[in-house]
Amino acid sequence: MSALGETLHSLVRVLDSRELGWFVFGAQAVAVRGAPRATQDVDITVRIDRTLVPDLLAALEAEGLRHRHPQLVEELLDMGAVIPLVHPSGMDVDLVLAGSGLETLALGRATRVGMDGVQVPVAHATDLVVMKVLAGRGKDLDDVRSLLASGDVDIAEARNLLQQLQRALGQSDLLPAFHAALAEL
């Protein structure tokens, strides 16, 4: 089994046994929903009560997933930031604790898909587009075009979500980036 398969298998064992809502997003999800792109990590979002995070981290550690920066564990947890882990296979895992809003919506729409022989919940293409536009880096916008080309994106829903995010965040660049990606297809 590959490093990706081993890592996903470990995540499934821990997260599913605790019946936690979770999903894969990022480049690995884009590879499933759009077009493959090279990446050496797995991005996941997990819905969990913050008081249970230490127990979750202990269970992940028992499965071999270690914090990449053990000296920063408490600081990162306090900030609610990404929790950077590494699997014994060498695959990095970025664990995001789900908040309300987009992540909750994405949790409800994620579907189980086979990735390297392991069935894992993967964010829907529409939600991935919104996440990628929000991230806004060049490779993210490439991913947006790939996802749009797949035909699996609900354009109206993505536009609506981006419009809501623009208002909530006080940004004005999300819809123009989305429309530019649409125009390039």
N, C-alpha and C. Protein backbone atom coordinates (compact mmCIF):
# COMPACT_ATOMS: atom_id res chain seq x y z
N MET A 1 0.85 -1.19 0.00
CA MET A 1 0.00 0.00 0.00
C MET A 1 0.89 1.24 0.00
N SER A 2 0.47 2.27 -0.70
CA SER A 2 1.24 3.51 -0.81
C SER A 2 1.17 4.32 0.50
N ALA A 3 1.99 5.35 0.59
CA ALA A 3 1.97 6.23 1.75
C ALA A 3 0.59 6.87 1.90
N LEU A 4 -0.02 7.27 0.78
CA LEU A 4 -1.35 7.85 0.85
C LEU A 4 -2.35 6.84 1.39
N GLY A 5 -2.35 5.63 0.85
CA GLY A 5 -3.28 4.59 1.30
C GLY A 5 -3.10 4.26 2.77
N GLU A 6 -1.86 4.14 3.21
CA GLU A 6 -1.59 3.84 4.62
C GLU A 6 -2.10 4.96 5.52
N THR A 7 -1.87 6.18 5.11
CA THR A 7 -2.30 7.33 5.90
C THR A 7 -3.82 7.39 5.98
N LEU A 8 -4.48 7.24 4.84
CA LEU A 8 -5.94 7.26 4.84
C LEU A 8 -6.52 6.12 5.68
N HIS A 9 -5.91 4.95 5.58
CA HIS A 9 -6.38 3.81 6.36
C HIS A 9 -6.29 4.13 7.86
N SER A 10 -5.21 4.74 8.30
CA SER A 10 -5.06 5.13 9.71
C SER A 10 -6.12 6.14 10.11
N LEU A 11 -6.35 7.13 9.25
CA LEU A 11 -7.36 8.15 9.55
C LEU A 11 -8.75 7.53 9.66
N VAL A 12 -9.09 6.65 8.74
CA VAL A 12 -10.40 5.98 8.78
C VAL A 12 -10.57 5.21 10.08
N ARG A 13 -9.54 4.45 10.47
CA ARG A 13 -9.64 3.67 11.70
C ARG A 13 -9.94 4.55 12.90
N VAL A 14 -9.25 5.67 13.01
CA VAL A 14 -9.44 6.53 14.19
C VAL A 14 -10.73 7.33 14.10
N LEU A 15 -10.93 8.02 12.99
CA LEU A 15 -12.07 8.95 12.90
C LEU A 15 -13.40 8.23 12.78
N ASP A 16 -13.45 7.17 11.99
CA ASP A 16 -14.71 6.43 11.85
C ASP A 16 -15.07 5.67 13.12
N SER A 17 -14.08 5.16 13.83
CA SER A 17 -14.39 4.42 15.06
C SER A 17 -14.99 5.35 16.12
N ARG A 18 -14.68 6.63 16.02
CA ARG A 18 -15.25 7.62 16.94
C ARG A 18 -16.51 8.27 16.39
N GLU A 19 -16.91 7.82 15.19
CA GLU A 19 -18.11 8.33 14.51
C GLU A 19 -18.09 9.85 14.38
N LEU A 20 -16.91 10.37 14.03
CA LEU A 20 -16.75 11.80 13.82
C LEU A 20 -17.08 12.16 12.37
N GLY A 21 -17.67 13.32 12.19
CA GLY A 21 -17.86 13.83 10.84
C GLY A 21 -16.52 14.37 10.35
N TRP A 22 -16.13 13.96 9.16
CA TRP A 22 -14.86 14.44 8.61
C TRP A 22 -14.87 14.30 7.10
N PHE A 23 -13.96 14.99 6.44
CA PHE A 23 -13.82 14.86 5.00
C PHE A 23 -12.43 15.28 4.56
N VAL A 24 -12.04 14.76 3.41
CA VAL A 24 -10.79 15.13 2.76
C VAL A 24 -11.09 16.32 1.85
N PHE A 25 -10.22 17.31 1.88
CA PHE A 25 -10.32 18.43 0.96
C PHE A 25 -8.91 18.70 0.42
N GLY A 26 -8.69 19.79 -0.24
CA GLY A 26 -7.36 20.09 -0.75
C GLY A 26 -7.04 19.31 -2.01
N ALA A 27 -5.75 19.22 -2.33
CA ALA A 27 -5.31 18.63 -3.60
C ALA A 27 -5.72 17.17 -3.75
N GLN A 28 -5.73 16.40 -2.66
CA GLN A 28 -6.15 15.00 -2.77
C GLN A 28 -7.61 14.91 -3.20
N ALA A 29 -8.44 15.80 -2.66
CA ALA A 29 -9.86 15.80 -3.04
C ALA A 29 -10.02 16.28 -4.48
N VAL A 30 -9.24 17.26 -4.88
CA VAL A 30 -9.30 17.75 -6.26
C VAL A 30 -8.90 16.63 -7.22
N ALA A 31 -7.94 15.81 -6.81
CA ALA A 31 -7.52 14.69 -7.66
C ALA A 31 -8.67 13.72 -7.90
N VAL A 32 -9.56 13.58 -6.93
CA VAL A 32 -10.72 12.70 -7.07
C VAL A 32 -11.84 13.38 -7.86
N ARG A 33 -12.08 14.64 -7.57
CA ARG A 33 -13.23 15.36 -8.14
C ARG A 33 -12.91 16.11 -9.44
N GLY A 34 -11.63 16.37 -9.69
CA GLY A 34 -11.25 17.16 -10.86
C GLY A 34 -10.14 16.47 -11.62
N ALA A 35 -8.94 16.97 -11.47
CA ALA A 35 -7.78 16.40 -12.16
C ALA A 35 -6.63 16.25 -11.17
N PRO A 36 -5.85 15.17 -11.32
CA PRO A 36 -4.73 14.94 -10.40
C PRO A 36 -3.72 16.08 -10.43
N ARG A 37 -3.14 16.30 -9.27
CA ARG A 37 -2.06 17.28 -9.13
C ARG A 37 -1.13 16.75 -8.06
N ALA A 38 0.14 16.96 -8.24
CA ALA A 38 1.13 16.44 -7.29
C ALA A 38 0.98 17.12 -5.93
N THR A 39 0.99 16.32 -4.89
CA THR A 39 0.94 16.83 -3.53
C THR A 39 1.49 15.76 -2.60
N GLN A 40 2.04 16.19 -1.50
CA GLN A 40 2.62 15.26 -0.54
C GLN A 40 1.93 15.33 0.81
N ASP A 41 0.66 15.77 0.79
CA ASP A 41 -0.06 15.82 2.06
C ASP A 41 -1.53 15.50 1.86
N VAL A 42 -2.20 15.31 2.97
CA VAL A 42 -3.64 15.08 2.99
C VAL A 42 -4.24 16.14 3.90
N ASP A 43 -5.23 16.86 3.38
CA ASP A 43 -5.93 17.87 4.17
C ASP A 43 -7.28 17.30 4.59
N ILE A 44 -7.56 17.35 5.89
CA ILE A 44 -8.85 16.85 6.37
C ILE A 44 -9.48 17.88 7.32
N THR A 45 -10.80 17.88 7.33
CA THR A 45 -11.56 18.68 8.29
C THR A 45 -12.33 17.69 9.15
N VAL A 46 -12.32 17.94 10.46
CA VAL A 46 -13.00 17.06 11.42
C VAL A 46 -13.91 17.91 12.30
N ARG A 47 -15.15 17.43 12.45
CA ARG A 47 -16.07 18.08 13.40
C ARG A 47 -15.95 17.34 14.73
N ILE A 48 -15.53 18.10 15.75
CA ILE A 48 -15.34 17.52 17.08
C ILE A 48 -15.46 18.61 18.12
N ASP A 49 -16.01 18.28 19.25
CA ASP A 49 -16.06 19.20 20.37
C ASP A 49 -14.61 19.50 20.78
N ARG A 50 -14.30 20.76 20.95
CA ARG A 50 -12.91 21.16 21.25
C ARG A 50 -12.36 20.48 22.50
N THR A 51 -13.21 20.15 23.45
CA THR A 51 -12.72 19.49 24.67
C THR A 51 -12.24 18.07 24.40
N LEU A 52 -12.65 17.49 23.26
CA LEU A 52 -12.27 16.11 22.94
C LEU A 52 -11.03 16.03 22.03
N VAL A 53 -10.52 17.18 21.63
CA VAL A 53 -9.37 17.20 20.72
C VAL A 53 -8.15 16.50 21.32
N PRO A 54 -7.80 16.73 22.58
CA PRO A 54 -6.64 16.02 23.13
C PRO A 54 -6.77 14.49 23.05
N ASP A 55 -7.98 13.98 23.29
CA ASP A 55 -8.21 12.54 23.17
C ASP A 55 -8.06 12.08 21.73
N LEU A 56 -8.56 12.88 20.80
CA LEU A 56 -8.41 12.55 19.38
C LEU A 56 -6.94 12.51 18.99
N LEU A 57 -6.19 13.51 19.43
CA LEU A 57 -4.76 13.54 19.10
C LEU A 57 -4.02 12.35 19.70
N ALA A 58 -4.42 11.92 20.89
CA ALA A 58 -3.81 10.74 21.52
C ALA A 58 -4.13 9.49 20.70
N ALA A 59 -5.37 9.38 20.21
CA ALA A 59 -5.76 8.22 19.39
C ALA A 59 -5.01 8.23 18.06
N LEU A 60 -4.86 9.40 17.46
CA LEU A 60 -4.10 9.49 16.21
C LEU A 60 -2.64 9.14 16.44
N GLU A 61 -2.11 9.57 17.57
CA GLU A 61 -0.71 9.24 17.89
C GLU A 61 -0.55 7.74 18.10
N ALA A 62 -1.52 7.10 18.73
CA ALA A 62 -1.47 5.64 18.91
C ALA A 62 -1.49 4.92 17.56
N GLU A 63 -2.07 5.57 16.56
CA GLU A 63 -2.12 5.03 15.20
C GLU A 63 -0.86 5.40 14.41
N GLY A 64 0.04 6.15 15.05
CA GLY A 64 1.31 6.50 14.41
C GLY A 64 1.40 7.93 13.90
N LEU A 65 0.28 8.65 13.93
CA LEU A 65 0.28 10.04 13.44
C LEU A 65 0.80 10.96 14.54
N ARG A 66 1.93 11.57 14.29
CA ARG A 66 2.58 12.43 15.27
C ARG A 66 2.47 13.90 14.86
N HIS A 67 2.46 14.76 15.86
CA HIS A 67 2.43 16.20 15.60
C HIS A 67 3.79 16.59 14.99
N ARG A 68 3.74 17.36 13.89
CA ARG A 68 4.99 17.77 13.23
C ARG A 68 5.76 18.80 14.06
N HIS A 69 5.08 19.51 14.94
CA HIS A 69 5.72 20.53 15.76
C HIS A 69 5.26 20.37 17.21
N PRO A 70 5.74 19.31 17.89
CA PRO A 70 5.22 19.00 19.22
C PRO A 70 5.35 20.15 20.21
N GLN A 71 6.33 21.02 20.03
CA GLN A 71 6.50 22.14 20.94
C GLN A 71 5.40 23.19 20.79
N LEU A 72 4.63 23.12 19.71
CA LEU A 72 3.58 24.11 19.44
C LEU A 72 2.16 23.58 19.62
N VAL A 73 2.01 22.36 20.13
CA VAL A 73 0.70 21.73 20.21
C VAL A 73 -0.32 22.63 20.91
N GLU A 74 -0.01 23.07 22.10
CA GLU A 74 -0.97 23.86 22.89
C GLU A 74 -1.27 25.19 22.21
N GLU A 75 -0.23 25.84 21.71
CA GLU A 75 -0.42 27.14 21.04
C GLU A 75 -1.32 27.01 19.82
N LEU A 76 -1.08 25.98 19.00
CA LEU A 76 -1.90 25.78 17.81
C LEU A 76 -3.34 25.43 18.16
N LEU A 77 -3.53 24.62 19.20
CA LEU A 77 -4.89 24.28 19.63
C LEU A 77 -5.61 25.51 20.15
N ASP A 78 -4.92 26.36 20.90
CA ASP A 78 -5.53 27.57 21.43
C ASP A 78 -5.95 28.51 20.30
N MET A 79 -5.16 28.56 19.24
CA MET A 79 -5.46 29.45 18.11
C MET A 79 -6.53 28.85 17.20
N GLY A 80 -6.81 27.56 17.35
CA GLY A 80 -7.76 26.91 16.46
C GLY A 80 -7.19 26.75 15.07
N ALA A 81 -5.88 26.72 14.99
CA ALA A 81 -5.20 26.64 13.69
C ALA A 81 -5.18 25.19 13.18
N VAL A 82 -4.60 25.04 12.03
CA VAL A 82 -4.39 23.72 11.46
C VAL A 82 -3.46 22.93 12.37
N ILE A 83 -3.78 21.67 12.57
CA ILE A 83 -2.93 20.80 13.38
C ILE A 83 -2.09 19.97 12.41
N PRO A 84 -0.78 20.23 12.35
CA PRO A 84 0.08 19.55 11.40
C PRO A 84 0.58 18.21 11.96
N LEU A 85 0.24 17.13 11.27
CA LEU A 85 0.63 15.79 11.69
C LEU A 85 1.49 15.14 10.61
N VAL A 86 2.16 14.06 10.97
CA VAL A 86 2.88 13.27 9.98
C VAL A 86 2.65 11.79 10.31
N HIS A 87 2.39 11.02 9.27
CA HIS A 87 2.17 9.59 9.39
C HIS A 87 3.53 8.88 9.29
N PRO A 88 3.68 7.68 9.87
CA PRO A 88 4.96 6.96 9.77
C PRO A 88 5.42 6.73 8.32
N SER A 89 4.49 6.74 7.37
CA SER A 89 4.84 6.57 5.97
C SER A 89 5.56 7.79 5.41
N GLY A 90 5.52 8.90 6.16
CA GLY A 90 6.12 10.15 5.70
C GLY A 90 5.10 11.13 5.14
N MET A 91 3.85 10.71 5.00
CA MET A 91 2.79 11.58 4.47
C MET A 91 2.37 12.57 5.54
N ASP A 92 2.35 13.85 5.18
CA ASP A 92 1.87 14.89 6.08
C ASP A 92 0.35 14.93 6.05
N VAL A 93 -0.23 15.26 7.20
CA VAL A 93 -1.67 15.43 7.33
C VAL A 93 -1.91 16.78 7.99
N ASP A 94 -2.73 17.61 7.36
CA ASP A 94 -3.14 18.87 7.97
C ASP A 94 -4.58 18.70 8.41
N LEU A 95 -4.79 18.72 9.73
CA LEU A 95 -6.09 18.51 10.33
C LEU A 95 -6.69 19.86 10.71
N VAL A 96 -7.85 20.16 10.16
CA VAL A 96 -8.57 21.39 10.44
C VAL A 96 -9.79 21.04 11.28
N LEU A 97 -9.99 21.79 12.35
CA LEU A 97 -11.18 21.60 13.18
C LEU A 97 -12.32 22.38 12.56
N ALA A 98 -13.40 21.70 12.26
CA ALA A 98 -14.53 22.33 11.57
C ALA A 98 -15.16 23.41 12.42
N GLY A 99 -15.47 24.50 11.76
CA GLY A 99 -16.24 25.57 12.38
C GLY A 99 -17.64 25.51 11.82
N SER A 100 -18.37 26.58 12.01
CA SER A 100 -19.71 26.61 11.43
C SER A 100 -19.60 27.16 10.02
N GLY A 101 -20.68 27.15 9.32
CA GLY A 101 -20.70 27.73 7.97
C GLY A 101 -20.28 26.75 6.91
N LEU A 102 -19.31 27.16 6.09
CA LEU A 102 -18.90 26.39 4.93
C LEU A 102 -18.47 24.97 5.29
N GLU A 103 -17.71 24.82 6.36
CA GLU A 103 -17.24 23.49 6.73
C GLU A 103 -18.39 22.58 7.14
N THR A 104 -19.38 23.13 7.84
CA THR A 104 -20.55 22.33 8.23
C THR A 104 -21.33 21.92 6.99
N LEU A 105 -21.50 22.85 6.07
CA LEU A 105 -22.17 22.56 4.81
C LEU A 105 -21.43 21.46 4.05
N ALA A 106 -20.12 21.58 3.98
CA ALA A 106 -19.30 20.60 3.27
C ALA A 106 -19.38 19.22 3.93
N LEU A 107 -19.44 19.18 5.25
CA LEU A 107 -19.58 17.90 5.95
C LEU A 107 -20.85 17.18 5.53
N GLY A 108 -21.92 17.94 5.37
CA GLY A 108 -23.20 17.35 4.99
C GLY A 108 -23.24 16.84 3.56
N ARG A 109 -22.35 17.39 2.71
CA ARG A 109 -22.38 17.00 1.28
C ARG A 109 -21.24 16.08 0.87
N ALA A 110 -20.30 15.84 1.76
CA ALA A 110 -19.18 14.96 1.42
C ALA A 110 -19.70 13.54 1.18
N THR A 111 -19.09 12.85 0.23
CA THR A 111 -19.47 11.47 -0.07
C THR A 111 -18.24 10.58 -0.01
N ARG A 112 -18.48 9.32 0.32
CA ARG A 112 -17.39 8.34 0.38
C ARG A 112 -16.94 7.98 -1.03
N VAL A 113 -15.64 8.02 -1.20
CA VAL A 113 -15.02 7.75 -2.50
C VAL A 113 -13.78 6.91 -2.24
N GLY A 114 -13.46 6.02 -3.15
CA GLY A 114 -12.24 5.24 -3.03
C GLY A 114 -11.02 6.06 -3.40
N MET A 115 -10.10 6.16 -2.47
CA MET A 115 -8.82 6.83 -2.72
C MET A 115 -7.72 5.85 -2.35
N ASP A 116 -6.99 5.42 -3.33
CA ASP A 116 -5.89 4.48 -3.12
C ASP A 116 -6.35 3.25 -2.34
N GLY A 117 -7.55 2.77 -2.68
CA GLY A 117 -8.07 1.55 -2.08
C GLY A 117 -8.77 1.74 -0.74
N VAL A 118 -8.93 2.98 -0.29
CA VAL A 118 -9.57 3.25 1.00
C VAL A 118 -10.78 4.15 0.76
N GLN A 119 -11.92 3.78 1.34
CA GLN A 119 -13.13 4.59 1.21
C GLN A 119 -13.10 5.72 2.25
N VAL A 120 -13.05 6.97 1.75
CA VAL A 120 -12.99 8.13 2.64
C VAL A 120 -14.01 9.17 2.19
N PRO A 121 -14.50 9.98 3.13
CA PRO A 121 -15.41 11.06 2.75
C PRO A 121 -14.61 12.18 2.08
N VAL A 122 -15.09 12.63 0.93
CA VAL A 122 -14.41 13.67 0.15
C VAL A 122 -15.39 14.80 -0.08
N ALA A 123 -14.91 16.02 0.09
CA ALA A 123 -15.75 17.19 -0.12
C ALA A 123 -16.31 17.21 -1.54
N HIS A 124 -17.53 17.71 -1.68
CA HIS A 124 -18.19 17.84 -2.98
C HIS A 124 -17.44 18.86 -3.83
N ALA A 125 -17.50 18.69 -5.14
CA ALA A 125 -16.79 19.58 -6.06
C ALA A 125 -17.20 21.04 -5.88
N THR A 126 -18.47 21.30 -5.62
CA THR A 126 -18.92 22.69 -5.42
C THR A 126 -18.25 23.31 -4.21
N ASP A 127 -18.19 22.55 -3.12
CA ASP A 127 -17.55 23.07 -1.90
C ASP A 127 -16.05 23.25 -2.09
N LEU A 128 -15.44 22.34 -2.83
CA LEU A 128 -14.01 22.48 -3.12
C LEU A 128 -13.72 23.74 -3.92
N VAL A 129 -14.58 24.05 -4.89
CA VAL A 129 -14.40 25.28 -5.68
C VAL A 129 -14.43 26.49 -4.76
N VAL A 130 -15.40 26.54 -3.87
CA VAL A 130 -15.52 27.67 -2.95
C VAL A 130 -14.27 27.76 -2.06
N MET A 131 -13.83 26.63 -1.53
CA MET A 131 -12.63 26.62 -0.68
C MET A 131 -11.40 27.10 -1.45
N LYS A 132 -11.29 26.64 -2.68
CA LYS A 132 -10.12 26.99 -3.49
C LYS A 132 -10.14 28.47 -3.90
N VAL A 133 -11.31 29.00 -4.23
CA VAL A 133 -11.40 30.44 -4.55
C VAL A 133 -11.02 31.24 -3.30
N LEU A 134 -11.50 30.80 -2.16
CA LEU A 134 -11.20 31.47 -0.90
C LEU A 134 -9.69 31.46 -0.61
N ALA A 135 -9.02 30.34 -0.90
CA ALA A 135 -7.57 30.25 -0.68
C ALA A 135 -6.83 31.19 -1.65
N GLY A 136 -7.26 31.22 -2.91
CA GLY A 136 -6.81 32.22 -3.85
C GLY A 136 -5.41 32.14 -4.42
N ARG A 137 -4.63 31.12 -4.09
CA ARG A 137 -3.29 31.01 -4.67
C ARG A 137 -3.39 30.54 -6.12
N GLY A 138 -2.33 30.70 -6.86
CA GLY A 138 -2.33 30.30 -8.26
C GLY A 138 -2.71 28.84 -8.45
N LYS A 139 -2.12 27.95 -7.66
CA LYS A 139 -2.45 26.53 -7.82
C LYS A 139 -3.89 26.25 -7.41
N ASP A 140 -4.42 27.03 -6.46
CA ASP A 140 -5.82 26.87 -6.07
C ASP A 140 -6.74 27.26 -7.22
N LEU A 141 -6.42 28.33 -7.91
CA LEU A 141 -7.24 28.76 -9.04
C LEU A 141 -7.12 27.79 -10.21
N ASP A 142 -5.96 27.14 -10.36
CA ASP A 142 -5.83 26.05 -11.34
C ASP A 142 -6.79 24.92 -10.97
N ASP A 143 -6.85 24.61 -9.66
CA ASP A 143 -7.76 23.57 -9.18
C ASP A 143 -9.22 23.95 -9.45
N VAL A 144 -9.56 25.23 -9.31
CA VAL A 144 -10.91 25.70 -9.58
C VAL A 144 -11.28 25.40 -11.03
N ARG A 145 -10.38 25.72 -11.95
CA ARG A 145 -10.64 25.46 -13.37
C ARG A 145 -10.80 23.96 -13.63
N SER A 146 -9.97 23.15 -12.99
CA SER A 146 -10.07 21.69 -13.14
C SER A 146 -11.42 21.18 -12.63
N LEU A 147 -11.83 21.67 -11.49
CA LEU A 147 -13.11 21.24 -10.92
C LEU A 147 -14.28 21.71 -11.77
N LEU A 148 -14.22 22.94 -12.26
CA LEU A 148 -15.29 23.44 -13.13
C LEU A 148 -15.38 22.61 -14.40
N ALA A 149 -14.24 22.20 -14.93
CA ALA A 149 -14.22 21.39 -16.16
C ALA A 149 -14.82 20.01 -15.94
N SER A 150 -14.86 19.55 -14.69
CA SER A 150 -15.40 18.21 -14.41
C SER A 150 -16.90 18.15 -14.66
N GLY A 151 -17.57 19.29 -14.62
CA GLY A 151 -19.02 19.32 -14.81
C GLY A 151 -19.81 18.96 -13.56
N ASP A 152 -19.13 18.73 -12.44
CA ASP A 152 -19.81 18.33 -11.20
C ASP A 152 -20.09 19.48 -10.25
N VAL A 153 -19.73 20.70 -10.67
CA VAL A 153 -19.90 21.86 -9.80
C VAL A 153 -21.26 22.50 -10.07
N ASP A 154 -21.99 22.78 -9.02
CA ASP A 154 -23.24 23.53 -9.12
C ASP A 154 -22.83 25.00 -9.17
N ILE A 155 -22.81 25.56 -10.37
CA ILE A 155 -22.31 26.93 -10.59
C ILE A 155 -23.12 27.94 -9.77
N ALA A 156 -24.44 27.82 -9.79
CA ALA A 156 -25.28 28.76 -9.06
C ALA A 156 -25.02 28.68 -7.56
N GLU A 157 -24.87 27.47 -7.04
CA GLU A 157 -24.60 27.29 -5.61
C GLU A 157 -23.23 27.87 -5.25
N ALA A 158 -22.23 27.61 -6.06
CA ALA A 158 -20.89 28.15 -5.80
C ALA A 158 -20.93 29.67 -5.81
N ARG A 159 -21.60 30.24 -6.80
CA ARG A 159 -21.71 31.70 -6.90
C ARG A 159 -22.41 32.27 -5.65
N ASN A 160 -23.49 31.62 -5.22
CA ASN A 160 -24.22 32.06 -4.04
C ASN A 160 -23.35 32.01 -2.78
N LEU A 161 -22.63 30.91 -2.60
CA LEU A 161 -21.76 30.78 -1.42
C LEU A 161 -20.65 31.83 -1.44
N LEU A 162 -20.06 32.04 -2.60
CA LEU A 162 -18.99 33.04 -2.70
C LEU A 162 -19.51 34.45 -2.44
N GLN A 163 -20.72 34.71 -2.89
CA GLN A 163 -21.35 36.01 -2.64
C GLN A 163 -21.56 36.21 -1.13
N GLN A 164 -22.04 35.17 -0.46
CA GLN A 164 -22.25 35.25 0.99
C GLN A 164 -20.92 35.46 1.71
N LEU A 165 -19.88 34.74 1.27
CA LEU A 165 -18.57 34.88 1.90
C LEU A 165 -17.99 36.27 1.67
N GLN A 166 -18.17 36.81 0.49
CA GLN A 166 -17.69 38.18 0.23
C GLN A 166 -18.29 39.16 1.22
N ARG A 167 -19.60 39.05 1.41
CA ARG A 167 -20.28 39.96 2.35
C ARG A 167 -19.78 39.74 3.78
N ALA A 168 -19.72 38.47 4.18
CA ALA A 168 -19.33 38.15 5.56
C ALA A 168 -17.89 38.55 5.86
N LEU A 169 -17.01 38.41 4.87
CA LEU A 169 -15.59 38.69 5.09
C LEU A 169 -15.19 40.10 4.68
N GLY A 170 -16.12 40.83 4.06
CA GLY A 170 -15.80 42.17 3.60
C GLY A 170 -14.79 42.17 2.46
N GLN A 171 -14.85 41.13 1.64
CA GLN A 171 -13.95 41.02 0.49
C GLN A 171 -14.72 41.30 -0.79
N SER A 172 -13.99 41.66 -1.82
CA SER A 172 -14.65 41.90 -3.11
C SER A 172 -13.97 41.14 -4.24
N ASP A 173 -13.07 40.24 -3.90
CA ASP A 173 -12.27 39.55 -4.92
C ASP A 173 -12.71 38.12 -5.22
N LEU A 174 -13.63 37.57 -4.45
CA LEU A 174 -13.98 36.16 -4.61
C LEU A 174 -14.78 35.90 -5.89
N LEU A 175 -15.87 36.63 -6.08
CA LEU A 175 -16.68 36.43 -7.29
C LEU A 175 -15.90 36.75 -8.57
N PRO A 176 -15.12 37.83 -8.61
CA PRO A 176 -14.33 38.07 -9.82
C PRO A 176 -13.36 36.92 -10.14
N ALA A 177 -12.74 36.34 -9.12
CA ALA A 177 -11.84 35.20 -9.36
C ALA A 177 -12.61 34.01 -9.91
N PHE A 178 -13.79 33.76 -9.35
CA PHE A 178 -14.64 32.67 -9.81
C PHE A 178 -15.08 32.90 -11.25
N HIS A 179 -15.55 34.11 -11.54
CA HIS A 179 -16.00 34.43 -12.91
C HIS A 179 -14.86 34.35 -13.91
N ALA A 180 -13.66 34.73 -13.49
CA ALA A 180 -12.50 34.64 -14.40
C ALA A 180 -12.21 33.18 -14.72
N ALA A 181 -12.30 32.30 -13.71
CA ALA A 181 -12.08 30.87 -13.95
C ALA A 181 -13.15 30.31 -14.88
N LEU A 182 -14.39 30.73 -14.68
CA LEU A 182 -15.48 30.29 -15.58
C LEU A 182 -15.24 30.75 -17.02
N ALA A 183 -14.78 31.97 -17.16
CA ALA A 183 -14.55 32.53 -18.49
C ALA A 183 -13.44 31.79 -19.25
N GLU A 184 -12.52 31.20 -18.51
CA GLU A 184 -11.40 30.51 -19.14
C GLU A 184 -11.78 29.13 -19.68
N LEU A 185 -12.96 28.64 -19.29
CA LEU A 185 -13.37 27.29 -19.76
C LEU A 185 -13.86 27.34 -21.18
